[in-house]
Amino acid sequence: MTTPTEPAVPSQPPKEPLEAGTHLRLSIFAYVAINLAYGLPIALWPDLIWKTIAGTEGEHLEALRSVRWAGALLVAWAIGGLLTLTRPEGRQTMVTTFALQYSFAAVALVVSSVSDEFEFAPTWFVLVAIVAVGLTALYLWYGRWAGRRLLNA
């Protein structure tokens, strides 16, 4: 008499950490999201970000309305990030530039904050910018390092 054989249960491979390309893509996605979050309002609706959210008034508001061009630059960099995100192979220089851009921006935000150049904006507004840009800079550097084989391809 034969015993029925039990169906083979496929063994599941052990869970692996995120692969290197995933960190690279997530860091670039964060870069794109932050550029769009700041760039679109600055370029298209400066009063939304500077007056409604940051609470800026008077001469400061008038001066900040004149930097629509900076918002347009951020939107353009976001588009460059999307292009890099879709095909990162061989784009090490571009990702390095993203990481440098955010590293320098984080340092500039800290220096401006310490120098009291943000007297017109609430502290939370400046801190959110410093943390968001600073952490994204670090993650871009990590994503660049983790995805170096992909970027060099």
C-alpha atoms as a PDB file:
ATOM      1  CA  MET A   1       0.000   0.000   0.000  1.00  0.00           C
ATOM      2  CA  THR A   2       1.314   3.338  -0.925  1.00  0.00           C
ATOM      3  CA  THR A   3       0.846   6.439   1.111  1.00  0.00           C
ATOM      4  CA  PRO A   4      -0.290   9.549  -0.623  1.00  0.00           C
ATOM      5  CA  THR A   5       2.484  11.990  -1.083  1.00  0.00           C
ATOM      6  CA  GLU A   6       1.965  15.455   0.190  1.00  0.00           C
ATOM      7  CA  PRO A   7       2.212  18.220  -2.361  1.00  0.00           C
ATOM      8  CA  ALA A   8       5.530  19.929  -2.361  1.00  0.00           C
ATOM      9  CA  VAL A   9       5.404  23.288  -0.637  1.00  0.00           C
ATOM     10  CA  PRO A  10       7.634  25.760  -2.365  1.00  0.00           C
ATOM     11  CA  SER A  11      10.144  27.126   0.039  1.00  0.00           C
ATOM     12  CA  GLN A  12      10.219  30.879   0.239  1.00  0.00           C
ATOM     13  CA  PRO A  13      13.577  32.539   0.031  1.00  0.00           C
ATOM     14  CA  PRO A  14      14.608  34.499   3.079  1.00  0.00           C
ATOM     15  CA  LYS A  15      13.640  38.151   3.057  1.00  0.00           C
ATOM     16  CA  GLU A  16      16.433  40.211   1.650  1.00  0.00           C
ATOM     17  CA  PRO A  17      17.069  43.863   2.369  1.00  0.00           C
ATOM     18  CA  LEU A  18      16.166  46.427  -0.249  1.00  0.00           C
ATOM     19  CA  GLU A  19      18.387  45.983  -3.235  1.00  0.00           C
ATOM     20  CA  ALA A  20      20.814  48.735  -4.134  1.00  0.00           C
ATOM     21  CA  GLY A  21      18.801  50.013  -7.079  1.00  0.00           C
ATOM     22  CA  THR A  22      15.772  50.443  -4.841  1.00  0.00           C
ATOM     23  CA  HIS A  23      17.628  52.798  -2.475  1.00  0.00           C
ATOM     24  CA  LEU A  24      18.900  54.752  -5.450  1.00  0.00           C
ATOM     25  CA  ARG A  25      15.425  55.096  -6.942  1.00  0.00           C
ATOM     26  CA  LEU A  26      13.813  55.991  -3.595  1.00  0.00           C
ATOM     27  CA  SER A  27      16.391  58.696  -2.934  1.00  0.00           C
ATOM     28  CA  ILE A  28      15.845  60.185  -6.396  1.00  0.00           C
ATOM     29  CA  PHE A  29      12.073  59.986  -5.882  1.00  0.00           C
ATOM     30  CA  ALA A  30      12.429  61.938  -2.607  1.00  0.00           C
ATOM     31  CA  TYR A  31      14.539  64.512  -4.472  1.00  0.00           C
ATOM     32  CA  VAL A  32      11.852  64.881  -7.152  1.00  0.00           C
ATOM     33  CA  ALA A  33       9.052  65.158  -4.583  1.00  0.00           C
ATOM     34  CA  ILE A  34      10.764  67.891  -2.562  1.00  0.00           C
ATOM     35  CA  ASN A  35      11.721  69.862  -5.673  1.00  0.00           C
ATOM     36  CA  LEU A  36       8.111  69.780  -6.831  1.00  0.00           C
ATOM     37  CA  ALA A  37       6.733  70.539  -3.352  1.00  0.00           C
ATOM     38  CA  TYR A  38       8.807  73.730  -3.188  1.00  0.00           C
ATOM     39  CA  GLY A  39       9.201  74.528  -6.886  1.00  0.00           C
ATOM     40  CA  LEU A  40       5.596  74.492  -8.070  1.00  0.00           C
ATOM     41  CA  PRO A  41       4.256  76.855  -5.383  1.00  0.00           C
ATOM     42  CA  ILE A  42       7.244  79.212  -5.696  1.00  0.00           C
ATOM     43  CA  ALA A  43       6.893  79.347  -9.490  1.00  0.00           C
ATOM     44  CA  LEU A  44       3.107  79.365  -9.845  1.00  0.00           C
ATOM     45  CA  TRP A  45       1.569  80.462  -6.536  1.00  0.00           C
ATOM     46  CA  PRO A  46       4.219  82.297  -4.496  1.00  0.00           C
ATOM     47  CA  ASP A  47       1.651  83.729  -2.082  1.00  0.00           C
ATOM     48  CA  LEU A  48       0.554  80.210  -1.150  1.00  0.00           C
ATOM     49  CA  ILE A  49       3.955  79.218   0.180  1.00  0.00           C
ATOM     50  CA  TRP A  50       5.284  82.586   1.357  1.00  0.00           C
ATOM     51  CA  LYS A  51       2.130  84.295   2.698  1.00  0.00           C
ATOM     52  CA  THR A  52      -0.377  81.562   3.522  1.00  0.00           C
ATOM     53  CA  ILE A  53       1.990  78.877   4.810  1.00  0.00           C
ATOM     54  CA  ALA A  54       5.044  80.858   5.987  1.00  0.00           C
ATOM     55  CA  GLY A  55       3.079  83.918   7.111  1.00  0.00           C
ATOM     56  CA  THR A  56       5.336  86.425   5.359  1.00  0.00           C
ATOM     57  CA  GLU A  57       4.074  90.004   4.969  1.00  0.00           C
ATOM     58  CA  GLY A  58       5.125  93.420   3.710  1.00  0.00           C
ATOM     59  CA  GLU A  59       8.481  93.976   2.056  1.00  0.00           C
ATOM     60  CA  HIS A  60       9.607  90.419   2.668  1.00  0.00           C
ATOM     61  CA  LEU A  61       6.597  89.071   0.774  1.00  0.00           C
ATOM     62  CA  GLU A  62       7.200  91.468  -2.116  1.00  0.00           C
ATOM     63  CA  ALA A  63      10.831  90.349  -2.330  1.00  0.00           C
ATOM     64  CA  LEU A  64       9.948  86.644  -2.212  1.00  0.00           C
ATOM     65  CA  ARG A  65       7.383  87.040  -4.991  1.00  0.00           C
ATOM     66  CA  SER A  66      10.264  87.988  -7.276  1.00  0.00           C
ATOM     67  CA  VAL A  67      11.930  84.568  -7.045  1.00  0.00           C
ATOM     68  CA  ARG A  68       9.515  82.677  -9.289  1.00  0.00           C
ATOM     69  CA  TRP A  69      12.524  81.835 -11.447  1.00  0.00           C
ATOM     70  CA  ALA A  70      13.985  79.806  -8.550  1.00  0.00           C
ATOM     71  CA  GLY A  71      10.787  77.767  -8.411  1.00  0.00           C
ATOM     72  CA  ALA A  72      11.073  77.148 -12.144  1.00  0.00           C
ATOM     73  CA  LEU A  73      14.628  75.881 -11.624  1.00  0.00           C
ATOM     74  CA  LEU A  74      13.420  73.465  -8.952  1.00  0.00           C
ATOM     75  CA  VAL A  75      10.700  72.154 -11.279  1.00  0.00           C
ATOM     76  CA  ALA A  76      13.290  71.687 -14.050  1.00  0.00           C
ATOM     77  CA  TRP A  77      15.565  69.778 -11.649  1.00  0.00           C
ATOM     78  CA  ALA A  78      12.578  67.609 -10.684  1.00  0.00           C
ATOM     79  CA  ILE A  79      12.053  66.774 -14.357  1.00  0.00           C
ATOM     80  CA  GLY A  80      15.746  65.883 -14.598  1.00  0.00           C
ATOM     81  CA  GLY A  81      15.247  63.649 -11.572  1.00  0.00           C
ATOM     82  CA  LEU A  82      12.311  61.918 -13.249  1.00  0.00           C
ATOM     83  CA  LEU A  83      14.404  61.296 -16.359  1.00  0.00           C
ATOM     84  CA  THR A  84      17.188  59.883 -14.204  1.00  0.00           C
ATOM     85  CA  LEU A  85      14.690  57.804 -12.254  1.00  0.00           C
ATOM     86  CA  THR A  86      13.389  56.119 -15.398  1.00  0.00           C
ATOM     87  CA  ARG A  87      16.857  55.183 -16.642  1.00  0.00           C
ATOM     88  CA  PRO A  88      19.630  55.623 -14.045  1.00  0.00           C
ATOM     89  CA  GLU A  89      22.237  53.567 -15.923  1.00  0.00           C
ATOM     90  CA  GLY A  90      25.316  55.658 -16.579  1.00  0.00           C
ATOM     91  CA  ARG A  91      23.976  58.760 -14.798  1.00  0.00           C
ATOM     92  CA  GLN A  92      26.393  58.908 -11.877  1.00  0.00           C
ATOM     93  CA  THR A  93      27.272  62.546 -12.580  1.00  0.00           C
ATOM     94  CA  MET A  94      23.611  63.563 -12.469  1.00  0.00           C
ATOM     95  CA  VAL A  95      22.944  61.824  -9.137  1.00  0.00           C
ATOM     96  CA  THR A  96      26.158  63.303  -7.720  1.00  0.00           C
ATOM     97  CA  THR A  97      24.897  66.731  -8.780  1.00  0.00           C
ATOM     98  CA  PHE A  98      21.554  66.108  -7.036  1.00  0.00           C
ATOM     99  CA  ALA A  99      23.366  65.135  -3.832  1.00  0.00           C
ATOM    100  CA  LEU A 100      25.681  68.157  -4.026  1.00  0.00           C
ATOM    101  CA  GLN A 101      22.744  70.490  -4.700  1.00  0.00           C
ATOM    102  CA  TYR A 102      20.894  69.326  -1.595  1.00  0.00           C
ATOM    103  CA  SER A 103      24.030  69.212   0.558  1.00  0.00           C
ATOM    104  CA  PHE A 104      24.867  72.823  -0.303  1.00  0.00           C
ATOM    105  CA  ALA A 105      21.213  73.846   0.148  1.00  0.00           C
ATOM    106  CA  ALA A 106      21.065  72.264   3.613  1.00  0.00           C
ATOM    107  CA  VAL A 107      24.237  74.081   4.684  1.00  0.00           C
ATOM    108  CA  ALA A 108      22.922  77.372   3.246  1.00  0.00           C
ATOM    109  CA  LEU A 109      19.621  76.946   5.114  1.00  0.00           C
ATOM    110  CA  VAL A 110      21.460  76.372   8.387  1.00  0.00           C
ATOM    111  CA  VAL A 111      23.735  79.381   7.819  1.00  0.00           C
ATOM    112  CA  SER A 112      20.750  81.594   6.934  1.00  0.00           C
ATOM    113  CA  SER A 113      18.900  80.373   9.998  1.00  0.00           C
ATOM    114  CA  VAL A 114      21.835  81.035  12.335  1.00  0.00           C
ATOM    115  CA  SER A 115      22.366  84.462  10.713  1.00  0.00           C
ATOM    116  CA  ASP A 116      18.707  85.397  11.409  1.00  0.00           C
ATOM    117  CA  GLU A 117      17.941  85.829   7.720  1.00  0.00           C
ATOM    118  CA  PHE A 118      14.638  84.040   8.218  1.00  0.00           C
ATOM    119  CA  GLU A 119      13.256  86.501  10.763  1.00  0.00           C
ATOM    120  CA  PHE A 120      10.128  86.822   8.611  1.00  0.00           C
ATOM    121  CA  ALA A 121       9.273  83.096   8.724  1.00  0.00           C
ATOM    122  CA  PRO A 122       8.157  80.951  11.638  1.00  0.00           C
ATOM    123  CA  THR A 123      10.797  78.643  13.107  1.00  0.00           C
ATOM    124  CA  TRP A 124       8.863  75.477  12.194  1.00  0.00           C
ATOM    125  CA  PHE A 125       8.873  76.492   8.507  1.00  0.00           C
ATOM    126  CA  VAL A 126      12.650  76.836   8.448  1.00  0.00           C
ATOM    127  CA  LEU A 127      13.210  73.647  10.472  1.00  0.00           C
ATOM    128  CA  VAL A 128      11.028  71.615   8.108  1.00  0.00           C
ATOM    129  CA  ALA A 129      13.114  72.850   5.163  1.00  0.00           C
ATOM    130  CA  ILE A 130      16.410  72.116   6.914  1.00  0.00           C
ATOM    131  CA  VAL A 131      15.354  68.600   7.959  1.00  0.00           C
ATOM    132  CA  ALA A 132      13.728  67.703   4.630  1.00  0.00           C
ATOM    133  CA  VAL A 133      16.625  68.915   2.499  1.00  0.00           C
ATOM    134  CA  GLY A 134      19.330  67.645   4.880  1.00  0.00           C
ATOM    135  CA  LEU A 135      17.911  64.137   5.206  1.00  0.00           C
ATOM    136  CA  THR A 136      17.282  63.910   1.480  1.00  0.00           C
ATOM    137  CA  ALA A 137      20.892  64.962   0.831  1.00  0.00           C
ATOM    138  CA  LEU A 138      22.128  62.156   3.088  1.00  0.00           C
ATOM    139  CA  TYR A 139      19.810  59.635   1.436  1.00  0.00           C
ATOM    140  CA  LEU A 140      20.930  60.763  -2.035  1.00  0.00           C
ATOM    141  CA  TRP A 141      24.552  60.160  -1.057  1.00  0.00           C
ATOM    142  CA  TYR A 142      23.617  56.736   0.318  1.00  0.00           C
ATOM    143  CA  GLY A 143      21.509  55.899  -2.753  1.00  0.00           C
ATOM    144  CA  ARG A 144      24.389  56.961  -4.988  1.00  0.00           C
ATOM    145  CA  TRP A 145      26.784  54.737  -3.065  1.00  0.00           C
ATOM    146  CA  ALA A 146      24.374  51.772  -2.917  1.00  0.00           C
ATOM    147  CA  GLY A 147      23.518  52.036  -6.611  1.00  0.00           C
ATOM    148  CA  ARG A 148      27.036  52.738  -7.865  1.00  0.00           C
ATOM    149  CA  ARG A 149      27.135  49.611 -10.067  1.00  0.00           C
ATOM    150  CA  LEU A 150      23.888  50.606 -11.723  1.00  0.00           C
ATOM    151  CA  LEU A 151      25.040  54.204 -12.171  1.00  0.00           C
ATOM    152  CA  ASN A 152      28.338  53.117 -13.722  1.00  0.00           C
ATOM    153  CA  ALA A 153      26.683  50.725 -16.182  1.00  0.00           C
END
